[in-house]
């Protein structure tokens, strides 16, 4: 009989690609992870991993077992959800990992909705960039993620996760008030090809979105300044340090001193935001109301 706890470890190793990283995510020691993997290989009678100095790689048998692991763990999540529903009463805590703008736009309003409709559900918020929240959910450190589409993100058909679209928004051009294009109704990105740019650090999903939008416009932006804080980005643009693309909701309520904001003509970078939970957990009596509250808070936000 295969121990499902060892299947969780197998998936963590497959996700993180090293025993050390998987152990850190699971709050175990590397030796404990190795022992559990060895026991799993004994249970199955197959070599599941190839170990090397660069990490681990699943064998063909390991890939087969991993595909069943997604199904087994999702079914266990469903079983826990049904048992929780049978016990009755949605009372408890849900941890939500979300990026800063997502917290302001949908998580905080959703908490307000839950206070009225489900006062016994407590939401614990964890600030995490758009590419950090999904691993937190998969590793069990968060119950729910509010994340953005990014290069390399798990797709909508990923067997590990269930996703709920929340909203989509374009990136607007932020320019110094006296910029030659400051009076234009719209800005074409190609018109900014020779400008210095202000962007996010590599690894931030917005970094990839801006690069892709500029590449589609026929150029690679000359990124002179990097910050993941959109207030800092806007301040730098107002100081004449460069131009920037900023998600529309991030500009809402911000002091736009010495800057102008202009929509981008034609195809532009778009930030698509969604909620995600471990597959099978979407019907849990604690998680389902939070998903519904997030969807309700996101209603009308899409400007794509």
Protein backbone atom coordinates (compact mmCIF):
# COMPACT_ATOMS: atom_id res chain seq x y z
CA UNK A 1 0.00 0.00 0.00
CA UNK A 2 1.37 3.40 -1.00
CA UNK A 3 1.45 5.99 1.77
CA UNK A 4 -0.17 9.21 0.45
CA UNK A 5 2.08 11.28 2.70
CA UNK A 6 5.01 10.06 0.63
CA UNK A 7 3.17 11.06 -2.52
CA UNK A 8 3.09 14.64 -1.23
CA UNK A 9 6.84 14.47 -0.79
CA UNK A 10 7.29 13.09 -4.29
CA UNK A 11 5.30 15.98 -5.74
CA UNK A 12 7.24 18.54 -3.73
CA UNK A 13 10.52 17.12 -5.02
CA UNK A 14 9.16 17.18 -8.59
CA UNK A 15 8.08 20.81 -8.13
CA UNK A 16 11.29 22.05 -6.49
CA UNK A 17 13.77 19.80 -8.35
CA UNK A 18 16.02 19.28 -5.34
CA UNK A 19 15.62 17.35 -2.12
CA UNK A 20 16.90 20.30 -0.10
CA UNK A 21 14.37 22.75 -1.56
CA UNK A 22 11.51 20.28 -1.12
CA UNK A 23 12.54 19.63 2.47
CA UNK A 24 12.58 23.37 3.19
CA UNK A 25 9.09 23.80 1.68
CA UNK A 26 7.74 20.87 3.72
CA UNK A 27 9.54 21.87 6.95
CA UNK A 28 11.43 18.57 6.98
CA UNK A 29 15.10 17.74 6.99
CA UNK A 30 16.68 16.59 3.72
CA UNK A 31 17.50 13.25 5.31
CA UNK A 32 13.84 12.76 6.28
CA UNK A 33 12.76 13.50 2.72
CA UNK A 34 15.33 11.06 1.34
CA UNK A 35 14.17 8.38 3.77
CA UNK A 36 10.54 8.83 2.71
CA UNK A 37 11.47 8.69 -0.97
CA UNK A 38 13.48 5.52 -0.40
CA UNK A 39 10.50 4.00 1.39
CA UNK A 40 8.23 5.00 -1.51
CA UNK A 41 10.56 3.29 -3.96
CA UNK A 42 10.41 0.17 -1.81
CA UNK A 43 6.60 0.34 -1.69
CA UNK A 44 6.32 0.63 -5.46
CA UNK A 45 9.22 -1.63 -6.38
CA UNK A 46 10.57 0.97 -8.81
CA UNK A 47 13.32 3.54 -8.96
CA UNK A 48 11.47 6.84 -9.02
CA UNK A 49 14.28 9.41 -9.01
CA UNK A 50 17.68 9.88 -10.57
CA UNK A 51 19.89 11.84 -8.22
CA UNK A 52 22.76 14.00 -9.44
CA UNK A 53 24.82 16.94 -8.24
CA UNK A 54 22.38 19.32 -9.92
CA UNK A 55 19.29 17.90 -8.26
CA UNK A 56 16.84 15.11 -9.00
CA UNK A 57 14.97 13.99 -12.07
CA UNK A 58 12.00 11.66 -12.21
CA UNK A 59 12.36 8.36 -13.99
CA UNK A 60 9.66 7.10 -16.33
CA UNK A 61 8.17 5.18 -13.40
CA UNK A 62 8.36 8.33 -11.31
CA UNK A 63 6.48 10.31 -13.95
CA UNK A 64 3.76 7.66 -14.05
CA UNK A 65 3.38 7.73 -10.29
CA UNK A 66 3.40 11.55 -10.28
CA UNK A 67 0.49 11.66 -12.74
CA UNK A 68 -1.52 9.46 -10.37
CA UNK A 69 -0.30 11.51 -7.40
CA UNK A 70 -2.11 14.60 -8.69
CA UNK A 71 -5.36 12.60 -8.89
CA UNK A 72 -4.92 10.95 -5.50
CA UNK A 73 -4.11 14.17 -3.67
CA UNK A 74 -6.96 16.02 -5.37
CA UNK A 75 -9.34 13.26 -4.28
CA UNK A 76 -8.07 13.50 -0.72
CA UNK A 77 -8.72 17.26 -0.81
CA UNK A 78 -12.29 16.52 -1.97
CA UNK A 79 -12.72 13.96 0.82
CA UNK A 80 -11.59 16.50 3.41
CA UNK A 81 -13.95 19.07 1.92
CA UNK A 82 -16.93 16.71 2.05
CA UNK A 83 -16.13 15.64 5.62
CA UNK A 84 -15.85 19.27 6.65
CA UNK A 85 -19.20 20.00 4.99
CA UNK A 86 -20.76 16.97 6.70
CA UNK A 87 -19.52 18.22 10.07
CA UNK A 88 -21.42 21.43 9.34
CA UNK A 89 -20.62 25.01 10.14
CA UNK A 90 -18.06 26.92 8.17
CA UNK A 91 -15.82 28.18 10.93
CA UNK A 92 -12.06 28.42 10.78
CA UNK A 93 -9.10 30.15 9.18
CA UNK A 94 -8.09 30.45 5.52
CA UNK A 95 -4.65 31.71 4.54
CA UNK A 96 -4.59 33.78 1.35
CA UNK A 97 -1.33 34.62 -0.41
CA UNK A 98 -1.62 37.60 -2.76
CA UNK A 99 0.41 40.41 -4.31
CA UNK A 100 0.00 43.93 -2.92
CA UNK A 101 -2.39 45.34 -5.53
CA UNK A 102 -4.46 42.16 -5.44
CA UNK A 103 -4.78 42.56 -1.67
CA UNK A 104 -6.05 46.11 -2.11
CA UNK A 105 -8.33 45.38 -5.06
CA UNK A 106 -10.01 42.08 -4.15
CA UNK A 107 -8.72 40.48 -0.93
CA UNK A 108 -9.53 43.35 1.42
CA UNK A 109 -13.02 43.90 -0.09
CA UNK A 110 -13.61 40.12 0.07
CA UNK A 111 -12.78 40.14 3.79
CA UNK A 112 -15.43 42.82 4.23
CA UNK A 113 -17.97 40.67 2.40
CA UNK A 114 -17.10 37.62 4.50
CA UNK A 115 -17.52 39.60 7.72
CA UNK A 116 -21.17 40.03 6.76
CA UNK A 117 -22.01 36.69 5.17
CA UNK A 118 -19.57 34.33 6.91
CA UNK A 119 -18.40 35.95 10.14
CA UNK A 120 -16.90 32.70 11.45
CA UNK A 121 -14.38 32.48 8.60
CA UNK A 122 -11.14 34.25 9.43
CA UNK A 123 -8.81 35.21 6.60
CA UNK A 124 -5.08 35.44 7.19
CA UNK A 125 -3.33 37.45 4.46
CA UNK A 126 0.22 36.82 3.31
CA UNK A 127 1.86 39.32 0.97
CA UNK A 128 3.50 37.43 -1.91
CA UNK A 129 4.47 38.50 -5.41
CA UNK A 130 2.48 37.07 -8.30
CA UNK A 131 4.98 34.27 -8.93
CA UNK A 132 5.40 33.36 -5.24
CA UNK A 133 1.84 32.62 -4.18
CA UNK A 134 1.20 29.47 -6.23
CA UNK A 135 4.19 27.55 -4.78
CA UNK A 136 2.94 28.52 -1.31
CA UNK A 137 -0.41 26.87 -2.09
CA UNK A 138 1.17 23.77 -3.58
CA UNK A 139 3.46 23.40 -0.57
CA UNK A 140 0.54 23.76 1.85
CA UNK A 141 1.74 27.06 3.34
CA UNK A 142 -1.34 28.87 2.01
CA UNK A 143 -4.86 27.66 1.26
CA UNK A 144 -5.56 30.06 -1.58
CA UNK A 145 -3.54 32.28 -3.91
CA UNK A 146 -4.41 35.45 -5.78
CA UNK A 147 -1.90 35.37 -8.61
CA UNK A 148 -1.22 36.70 -12.09
CA UNK A 149 -0.45 34.98 -15.35
CA UNK A 150 3.28 34.92 -16.00
CA UNK A 151 5.76 33.09 -18.16
CA UNK A 152 6.12 29.60 -16.74
CA UNK A 153 3.02 29.81 -14.54
CA UNK A 154 0.98 26.60 -14.12
CA UNK A 155 -1.69 26.57 -16.83
CA UNK A 156 -5.44 26.40 -16.39
CA UNK A 157 -5.25 22.65 -17.08
CA UNK A 158 -2.61 21.98 -14.41
CA UNK A 159 -3.79 18.89 -12.47
CA UNK A 160 -2.50 20.30 -9.17
CA UNK A 161 -4.61 23.46 -9.09
CA UNK A 162 -8.14 24.74 -9.64
CA UNK A 163 -8.37 28.33 -10.85
CA UNK A 164 -11.05 31.04 -10.83
CA UNK A 165 -10.51 34.07 -13.13
CA UNK A 166 -10.91 37.34 -11.25
CA UNK A 167 -10.10 40.30 -13.51
CA UNK A 168 -7.89 41.54 -16.34
CA UNK A 169 -6.43 44.99 -16.72
CA UNK A 170 -4.12 46.74 -19.18
CA UNK A 171 -0.84 48.44 -18.43
CA UNK A 172 -0.91 52.22 -18.98
CA UNK A 173 2.03 54.37 -20.03
CA UNK A 174 3.33 56.68 -17.29
CA UNK A 175 5.24 59.73 -18.57
CA UNK A 176 6.66 62.94 -17.16
CA UNK A 177 4.05 65.69 -17.49
CA UNK A 178 6.11 67.64 -20.04
CA UNK A 179 6.89 64.59 -22.19
CA UNK A 180 6.32 65.22 -25.93
CA UNK A 181 3.58 62.55 -25.88
CA UNK A 182 1.98 63.90 -22.71
CA UNK A 183 -0.90 65.50 -24.64
CA UNK A 184 -1.61 62.46 -26.82
CA UNK A 185 -4.88 60.59 -26.27
CA UNK A 186 -3.03 57.29 -26.64
CA UNK A 187 0.60 56.25 -26.82
CA UNK A 188 2.08 53.74 -29.22
CA UNK A 189 4.85 51.77 -27.56
CA UNK A 190 7.06 52.07 -30.62
CA UNK A 191 7.13 55.83 -29.98
CA UNK A 192 8.94 55.11 -26.70
CA UNK A 193 11.58 52.83 -28.18
CA UNK A 194 14.40 55.36 -27.72
CA UNK A 195 13.44 56.28 -24.16
CA UNK A 196 15.02 55.16 -20.91
CA UNK A 197 12.65 52.81 -19.09
CA UNK A 198 11.68 52.10 -15.50
CA UNK A 199 10.60 48.53 -14.82
CA UNK A 200 10.41 45.69 -12.34
CA UNK A 201 13.15 43.28 -11.36
CA UNK A 202 13.55 40.06 -13.37
CA UNK A 203 11.37 37.40 -11.77
CA UNK A 204 8.50 39.80 -11.18
CA UNK A 205 5.67 38.81 -13.56
CA UNK A 206 5.27 42.44 -14.64
CA UNK A 207 8.86 42.44 -15.87
CA UNK A 208 8.09 39.71 -18.41
CA UNK A 209 4.82 41.36 -19.47
CA UNK A 210 6.51 44.68 -20.20
CA UNK A 211 9.35 43.03 -22.11
CA UNK A 212 6.89 41.02 -24.20
CA UNK A 213 4.75 44.08 -25.01
CA UNK A 214 7.81 46.04 -26.14
CA UNK A 215 9.14 43.13 -28.17
CA UNK A 216 5.80 42.88 -29.97
CA UNK A 217 6.15 46.61 -30.72
CA UNK A 218 9.52 45.92 -32.32
CA UNK A 219 12.07 46.90 -29.69
CA UNK A 220 13.67 45.88 -26.42
CA UNK A 221 13.27 48.52 -23.68
CA UNK A 222 16.41 50.08 -22.22
CA UNK A 223 15.70 49.40 -18.55
CA UNK A 224 17.71 51.93 -16.59
CA UNK A 225 15.87 51.73 -13.25
CA UNK A 226 14.30 48.74 -11.48
CA UNK A 227 11.75 48.72 -8.64
CA UNK A 228 8.90 46.41 -7.67
CA UNK A 229 7.17 49.31 -5.88
CA UNK A 230 4.87 51.07 -8.35
CA UNK A 231 4.90 54.24 -6.26
CA UNK A 232 8.66 54.40 -6.75
CA UNK A 233 8.21 53.74 -10.47
CA UNK A 234 5.74 56.63 -10.80
CA UNK A 235 8.00 58.94 -8.77
CA UNK A 236 10.94 58.16 -11.05
CA UNK A 237 8.81 58.81 -14.13
CA UNK A 238 7.72 62.15 -12.65
CA UNK A 239 11.38 63.02 -12.08
CA UNK A 240 12.11 62.43 -15.76
CA UNK A 241 14.20 59.31 -15.16
CA UNK A 242 12.33 57.39 -17.84
CA UNK A 243 8.98 56.04 -18.98
CA UNK A 244 7.08 53.06 -17.58
CA UNK A 245 4.16 50.71 -18.04
CA UNK A 246 2.09 50.24 -14.88
CA UNK A 247 -1.03 48.10 -14.30
CA UNK A 248 -4.08 50.35 -14.24
CA UNK A 249 -5.30 49.32 -10.80
CA UNK A 250 -1.88 50.04 -9.28
CA UNK A 251 -2.34 53.69 -10.28
CA UNK A 252 -5.76 54.01 -8.70
CA UNK A 253 -5.66 56.48 -5.82
CA UNK A 254 -1.94 57.15 -6.29
CA UNK A 255 -0.57 60.69 -6.25
CA UNK A 256 0.56 61.27 -9.84
CA UNK A 257 2.74 64.30 -9.20
CA UNK A 258 4.49 65.63 -12.32
CA UNK A 259 3.25 62.66 -14.40
CA UNK A 260 0.57 61.87 -16.95
CA UNK A 261 -1.01 58.48 -17.58
CA UNK A 262 -1.97 57.48 -21.11
CA UNK A 263 -3.56 54.29 -22.46
CA UNK A 264 -1.52 52.28 -24.91
CA UNK A 265 -2.75 52.12 -28.50
CA UNK A 266 -3.20 48.68 -30.03
CA UNK A 267 -2.24 45.42 -28.31
CA UNK A 268 -0.73 46.14 -24.90
CA UNK A 269 0.50 44.27 -21.89
CA UNK A 270 -2.38 42.89 -19.86
CA UNK A 271 -2.31 41.60 -16.29
CA UNK A 272 -4.69 38.68 -15.81
CA UNK A 273 -5.48 37.92 -12.19
CA UNK A 274 -6.93 34.67 -10.87
CA UNK A 275 -7.49 32.79 -7.64
CA UNK A 276 -6.11 29.29 -7.24
CA UNK A 277 -6.48 26.47 -4.72
CA UNK A 278 -5.22 22.91 -4.59
CA UNK A 279 -7.40 20.84 -6.90
CA UNK A 280 -10.20 19.23 -4.97
CA UNK A 281 -10.27 21.92 -2.27
CA UNK A 282 -12.48 24.35 -4.17
CA UNK A 283 -15.61 22.90 -2.52
CA UNK A 284 -14.26 23.00 1.00
CA UNK A 285 -16.83 24.84 3.18
CA UNK A 286 -14.16 27.30 4.32
CA UNK A 287 -12.53 27.90 0.95
CA UNK A 288 -15.59 28.06 -1.30
CA UNK A 289 -17.06 31.16 0.42
CA UNK A 290 -13.68 32.90 0.15
CA UNK A 291 -13.50 32.14 -3.58
CA UNK A 292 -17.03 33.47 -4.01
CA UNK A 293 -16.20 36.62 -2.04
CA UNK A 294 -13.10 37.22 -4.16
CA UNK A 295 -15.08 36.76 -7.36
CA UNK A 296 -17.75 39.14 -6.07
CA UNK A 297 -15.15 41.75 -5.11
CA UNK A 298 -13.54 41.44 -8.56
CA UNK A 299 -16.84 41.98 -10.39
CA UNK A 300 -16.57 45.02 -12.62
CA UNK A 301 -12.81 45.41 -12.23
CA UNK A 302 -11.88 44.03 -15.65
CA UNK A 303 -10.95 46.76 -18.10
CA UNK A 304 -9.36 44.48 -20.72
